[in-house]
Amino acid sequence: MPGTCRSSSTSYQAADGSELPLLVFEPAEGTPPRAGIVLFHGGALRRGSPDGLAPHCRALASRGILAVSAGYRLLDRGATSIDDCLADVRRAVARFGRLAASCGLDASRLASGGSSAGAHLAMLAALAPSRTTPEPGVTAVVALNPAGLDLGVLPPEAQRRLERQVGLDAGRLIEYSLIEWVRPGSPPTQIHHGTRDEVEPVDSARRFRDAMTRAGNECALLEYEDATHGFHYPGDGGHFDDVIDATTLFLDPTTMP
């Protein structure tokens, strides 16, 4: 049965030197965490805050998971392009790894993830190598209605429009298409997606899962019938508990259903 948790806040240094928030949720005093996850909020890279996924982190911590909700610079609010957002996410994951180590967790027990645009950034950081941080710092990913799964299927004019919206030069959007980064050895991934998602069609999630499977990777796609984008929040469609239970089991397979 879920228990209580402890909450605190700290920060990490963004790529531009500014300080960004980390909301930390730990299991109750005397209960060592069995696994850890850092989550990144959605909001189309222009809005949102770590508070958005605080309920998820609190619920996971009550089930024995060290859970952190992290901020990142938003477009026109410190970030000039999605490149800046991704740079911050990589730094937040590294900071999370150090925090988890202080709680007795090594990298083999750590995951990243998030919702929508935040899930997209977390997945990209885990899938795509970086010259400055070659290791992702996590060994699994949990994505809640992720965006950007297969951007190559968009019509050319839609790709160019999206590039302008996120501050990318022409032709660079494909670098942010998650399916392009699938390789053998990609981290195990759990995707939660509604079948009526109006932002990222569920077919994109299915194509990504199939690409991961063909590459020999573990990728579980949990589909929620008739659920729309953002279905996983408390009180929105009644799926919150199911999402938390499935995430807990994925992060810690020893957890009793």
Protein backbone atom coordinates (compact mmCIF):
# COMPACT_ATOMS: atom_id res chain seq x y z
CA MET A 1 0.00 0.00 0.00
CA PRO A 2 1.23 3.54 -0.70
CA GLY A 3 2.77 5.31 2.26
CA THR A 4 3.81 8.85 3.04
CA CYS A 5 6.64 10.88 1.53
CA ARG A 6 8.95 13.79 2.23
CA SER A 7 9.30 16.81 -0.03
CA SER A 8 11.96 19.47 -0.43
CA SER A 9 13.34 21.74 -3.11
CA THR A 10 16.77 22.45 -4.52
CA SER A 11 18.18 23.69 -7.81
CA TYR A 12 20.63 22.99 -10.58
CA GLN A 13 22.64 25.24 -12.85
CA ALA A 14 21.19 25.69 -16.33
CA ALA A 15 23.42 25.85 -19.40
CA ASP A 16 23.39 29.66 -19.23
CA GLY A 17 24.42 29.70 -15.58
CA SER A 18 21.01 30.50 -14.14
CA GLU A 19 19.49 28.42 -11.35
CA LEU A 20 16.48 26.23 -12.11
CA PRO A 21 14.23 24.39 -9.65
CA LEU A 22 14.19 20.75 -8.67
CA LEU A 23 11.27 19.56 -6.54
CA VAL A 24 12.39 16.47 -4.64
CA PHE A 25 10.04 13.82 -3.27
CA GLU A 26 11.48 11.00 -1.18
CA PRO A 27 9.93 7.99 0.54
CA ALA A 28 9.10 8.32 4.22
CA GLU A 29 11.94 8.68 6.73
CA GLY A 30 13.71 5.36 7.21
CA THR A 31 12.54 3.96 3.87
CA PRO A 32 15.39 3.81 1.35
CA PRO A 33 14.24 4.43 -2.24
CA ARG A 34 14.14 1.39 -4.51
CA ALA A 35 14.49 3.40 -7.72
CA GLY A 36 14.50 6.99 -8.92
CA ILE A 37 13.04 9.12 -11.70
CA VAL A 38 13.35 12.74 -12.82
CA LEU A 39 10.35 14.17 -14.69
CA PHE A 40 10.02 17.18 -16.99
CA HIS A 41 6.75 19.07 -17.39
CA GLY A 42 4.88 19.73 -20.61
CA GLY A 43 3.59 23.02 -22.01
CA ALA A 44 4.84 23.18 -25.61
CA LEU A 45 8.21 24.56 -24.36
CA ARG A 46 6.55 27.91 -23.59
CA ARG A 47 4.66 27.34 -20.35
CA GLY A 48 4.42 25.00 -17.40
CA SER A 49 6.50 24.46 -14.28
CA PRO A 50 7.75 21.61 -12.08
CA ASP A 51 4.58 21.97 -10.00
CA GLY A 52 2.65 20.34 -12.84
CA LEU A 53 4.12 16.90 -12.17
CA ALA A 54 4.41 17.27 -8.40
CA PRO A 55 1.33 15.06 -7.85
CA HIS A 56 2.95 12.29 -9.88
CA CYS A 57 6.21 12.60 -7.95
CA ARG A 58 4.41 12.64 -4.62
CA ALA A 59 2.49 9.49 -5.53
CA LEU A 60 5.62 7.72 -6.75
CA ALA A 61 7.55 8.67 -3.60
CA SER A 62 4.77 7.25 -1.47
CA ARG A 63 5.39 3.97 -3.31
CA GLY A 64 9.09 3.94 -2.54
CA ILE A 65 10.49 5.84 -5.56
CA LEU A 66 12.77 8.87 -5.36
CA ALA A 67 10.94 11.26 -7.70
CA VAL A 68 12.10 14.70 -8.85
CA SER A 69 10.23 17.25 -10.95
CA ALA A 70 12.64 19.55 -12.79
CA GLY A 71 12.31 22.88 -14.52
CA TYR A 72 14.06 24.00 -17.70
CA ARG A 73 14.28 27.32 -19.52
CA LEU A 74 11.25 28.02 -21.70
CA LEU A 75 11.19 29.66 -25.12
CA ASP A 76 11.23 33.44 -24.80
CA ARG A 77 11.84 32.98 -21.06
CA GLY A 78 15.57 32.31 -21.08
CA ALA A 79 15.69 29.86 -23.98
CA THR A 80 16.11 31.04 -27.55
CA SER A 81 15.55 27.59 -29.07
CA ILE A 82 14.72 24.02 -28.18
CA ASP A 83 18.50 23.45 -28.14
CA ASP A 84 18.62 25.42 -24.89
CA CYS A 85 15.76 23.41 -23.40
CA LEU A 86 17.54 20.15 -24.22
CA ALA A 87 20.83 21.42 -22.78
CA ASP A 88 19.06 22.16 -19.50
CA VAL A 89 17.40 18.75 -19.41
CA ARG A 90 20.77 17.06 -19.81
CA ARG A 91 22.14 19.09 -16.91
CA ALA A 92 19.09 18.33 -14.77
CA VAL A 93 19.52 14.60 -15.40
CA ALA A 94 23.17 14.82 -14.34
CA ARG A 95 22.20 16.73 -11.17
CA PHE A 96 19.52 14.14 -10.47
CA GLY A 97 22.10 11.37 -10.77
CA ARG A 98 24.24 12.99 -8.09
CA LEU A 99 21.22 13.50 -5.86
CA ALA A 100 20.18 9.87 -6.31
CA ALA A 101 23.69 8.68 -5.50
CA SER A 102 23.49 10.56 -2.19
CA CYS A 103 20.35 8.53 -1.47
CA GLY A 104 22.13 5.26 -2.19
CA LEU A 105 20.90 4.71 -5.75
CA ASP A 106 23.24 3.97 -8.64
CA ALA A 107 22.56 4.70 -12.31
CA SER A 108 21.14 1.24 -12.96
CA ARG A 109 18.09 2.19 -10.88
CA LEU A 110 17.45 5.59 -12.45
CA ALA A 111 14.99 6.76 -15.10
CA SER A 112 13.93 10.00 -16.72
CA GLY A 113 10.68 11.02 -18.32
CA GLY A 114 7.92 13.57 -18.33
CA SER A 115 4.81 14.75 -20.08
CA SER A 116 4.34 15.92 -23.68
CA ALA A 117 7.18 18.32 -24.58
CA GLY A 118 8.98 17.37 -21.37
CA ALA A 119 8.75 13.70 -22.26
CA HIS A 120 10.13 14.52 -25.71
CA LEU A 121 13.16 16.27 -24.20
CA ALA A 122 13.77 13.47 -21.69
CA MET A 123 13.56 10.82 -24.39
CA LEU A 124 15.91 12.73 -26.67
CA ALA A 125 18.45 13.18 -23.88
CA ALA A 126 18.34 9.43 -23.23
CA LEU A 127 18.39 8.34 -26.88
CA ALA A 128 20.72 10.86 -28.53
CA PRO A 129 24.40 11.08 -27.56
CA SER A 130 25.92 14.40 -26.52
CA ARG A 131 29.51 15.49 -27.04
CA THR A 132 29.63 17.04 -23.58
CA THR A 133 27.56 14.41 -21.72
CA PRO A 134 27.98 11.16 -23.68
CA GLU A 135 26.22 9.06 -21.03
CA PRO A 136 22.52 9.81 -20.45
CA GLY A 137 22.80 9.12 -16.70
CA VAL A 138 19.63 6.99 -16.68
CA THR A 139 18.84 3.48 -17.82
CA ALA A 140 15.10 3.76 -18.53
CA VAL A 141 12.49 6.27 -19.70
CA VAL A 142 8.82 6.80 -18.81
CA ALA A 143 6.96 9.02 -21.29
CA LEU A 144 3.46 10.41 -20.70
CA ASN A 145 1.81 11.36 -24.00
CA PRO A 146 5.20 12.32 -25.52
CA ALA A 147 5.47 14.76 -28.42
CA GLY A 148 7.92 14.63 -31.33
CA LEU A 149 7.93 10.87 -31.81
CA ASP A 150 8.01 10.86 -35.63
CA LEU A 151 8.41 14.38 -36.99
CA GLY A 152 9.52 13.16 -40.40
CA VAL A 153 5.94 12.31 -41.36
CA LEU A 154 4.88 15.97 -41.16
CA PRO A 155 4.38 17.78 -44.49
CA PRO A 156 7.34 20.01 -45.45
CA GLU A 157 5.45 23.23 -44.73
CA ALA A 158 4.46 21.95 -41.28
CA GLN A 159 8.08 21.04 -40.57
CA ARG A 160 9.28 24.50 -41.53
CA ARG A 161 6.59 26.15 -39.40
CA LEU A 162 7.54 24.01 -36.40
CA GLU A 163 11.23 24.82 -36.91
CA ARG A 164 10.44 28.52 -36.72
CA GLN A 165 8.32 28.01 -33.61
CA VAL A 166 11.11 26.25 -31.69
CA GLY A 167 14.02 28.35 -32.99
CA LEU A 168 15.67 25.83 -35.31
CA ASP A 169 17.37 26.54 -38.62
CA ALA A 170 15.71 25.09 -41.71
CA GLY A 171 16.30 21.37 -42.06
CA ARG A 172 17.14 20.72 -38.41
CA LEU A 173 13.76 19.47 -37.22
CA ILE A 174 14.63 15.88 -38.05
CA GLU A 175 17.33 16.05 -35.35
CA TYR A 176 14.49 16.25 -32.84
CA SER A 177 12.45 13.36 -34.27
CA LEU A 178 12.75 10.63 -31.66
CA ILE A 179 12.28 7.71 -34.03
CA GLU A 180 15.43 8.77 -35.89
CA TRP A 181 17.52 8.09 -32.76
CA VAL A 182 16.37 4.52 -32.13
CA ARG A 183 19.37 2.19 -32.08
CA PRO A 184 20.10 -1.24 -30.64
CA GLY A 185 20.80 -0.70 -26.97
CA SER A 186 18.36 2.19 -26.52
CA PRO A 187 17.08 2.32 -22.91
CA PRO A 188 13.92 0.42 -21.96
CA THR A 189 10.98 2.74 -22.44
CA GLN A 190 7.41 2.83 -21.18
CA ILE A 191 4.98 5.08 -23.08
CA HIS A 192 1.53 6.06 -21.80
CA HIS A 193 -0.68 7.40 -24.59
CA GLY A 194 -4.35 8.10 -25.17
CA THR A 195 -5.99 6.68 -28.28
CA ARG A 196 -7.65 10.04 -28.95
CA ASP A 197 -4.58 12.22 -28.36
CA GLU A 198 -5.18 15.35 -30.44
CA VAL A 199 -1.58 16.63 -30.20
CA GLU A 200 0.43 13.48 -30.98
CA PRO A 201 -1.63 10.77 -32.72
CA VAL A 202 -1.35 7.36 -31.11
CA ASP A 203 -0.16 5.97 -34.45
CA SER A 204 3.11 7.86 -33.90
CA ALA A 205 3.56 6.11 -30.57
CA ARG A 206 2.87 2.78 -32.24
CA ARG A 207 5.46 3.44 -34.95
CA PHE A 208 8.03 4.39 -32.34
CA ARG A 209 7.32 1.25 -30.32
CA ASP A 210 7.63 -0.89 -33.44
CA ALA A 211 10.95 0.76 -34.35
CA MET A 212 12.27 0.09 -30.85
CA THR A 213 11.14 -3.53 -31.01
CA ARG A 214 12.76 -4.06 -34.41
CA ALA A 215 16.02 -2.73 -32.97
CA GLY A 216 15.83 -5.27 -30.16
CA ASN A 217 14.87 -2.80 -27.43
CA GLU A 218 12.24 -3.02 -24.73
CA CYS A 219 9.38 -0.60 -25.35
CA ALA A 220 5.97 -0.97 -23.73
CA LEU A 221 3.15 1.16 -25.11
CA LEU A 222 0.21 1.46 -22.71
CA GLU A 223 -2.81 2.75 -24.60
CA TYR A 224 -5.70 4.41 -22.77
CA GLU A 225 -8.92 4.02 -24.69
CA ASP A 226 -10.60 7.30 -25.73
CA ALA A 227 -8.13 9.34 -23.63
CA THR A 228 -6.98 12.71 -24.98
CA HIS A 229 -3.71 14.61 -24.47
CA GLY A 230 -2.87 15.18 -20.81
CA PHE A 231 -5.12 12.36 -19.63
CA HIS A 232 -2.72 11.35 -16.86
CA TYR A 233 -3.28 14.24 -14.47
CA PRO A 234 -5.29 13.73 -11.24
CA GLY A 235 -8.99 13.96 -11.81
CA ASP A 236 -8.66 14.12 -15.61
CA GLY A 237 -10.28 10.96 -16.95
CA GLY A 238 -9.59 8.85 -13.89
CA HIS A 239 -6.32 7.39 -15.20
CA PHE A 240 -3.90 8.89 -12.69
CA ASP A 241 -3.71 5.88 -10.37
CA ASP A 242 -3.31 3.45 -13.27
CA VAL A 243 -0.43 5.53 -14.67
CA ILE A 244 1.30 5.68 -11.27
CA ASP A 245 0.85 1.95 -10.63
CA ALA A 246 2.25 1.00 -14.06
CA THR A 247 5.14 3.42 -13.71
CA THR A 248 6.03 2.08 -10.27
CA LEU A 249 6.03 -1.50 -11.53
CA PHE A 250 8.20 -0.51 -14.51
CA LEU A 251 10.74 1.26 -12.29
CA ASP A 252 10.73 -1.43 -9.65
CA PRO A 253 9.55 -4.83 -10.98
CA THR A 254 9.62 -6.25 -7.44
CA THR A 255 6.65 -4.05 -6.53
CA MET A 256 3.49 -5.99 -5.85
CA PRO A 257 0.60 -4.99 -8.16
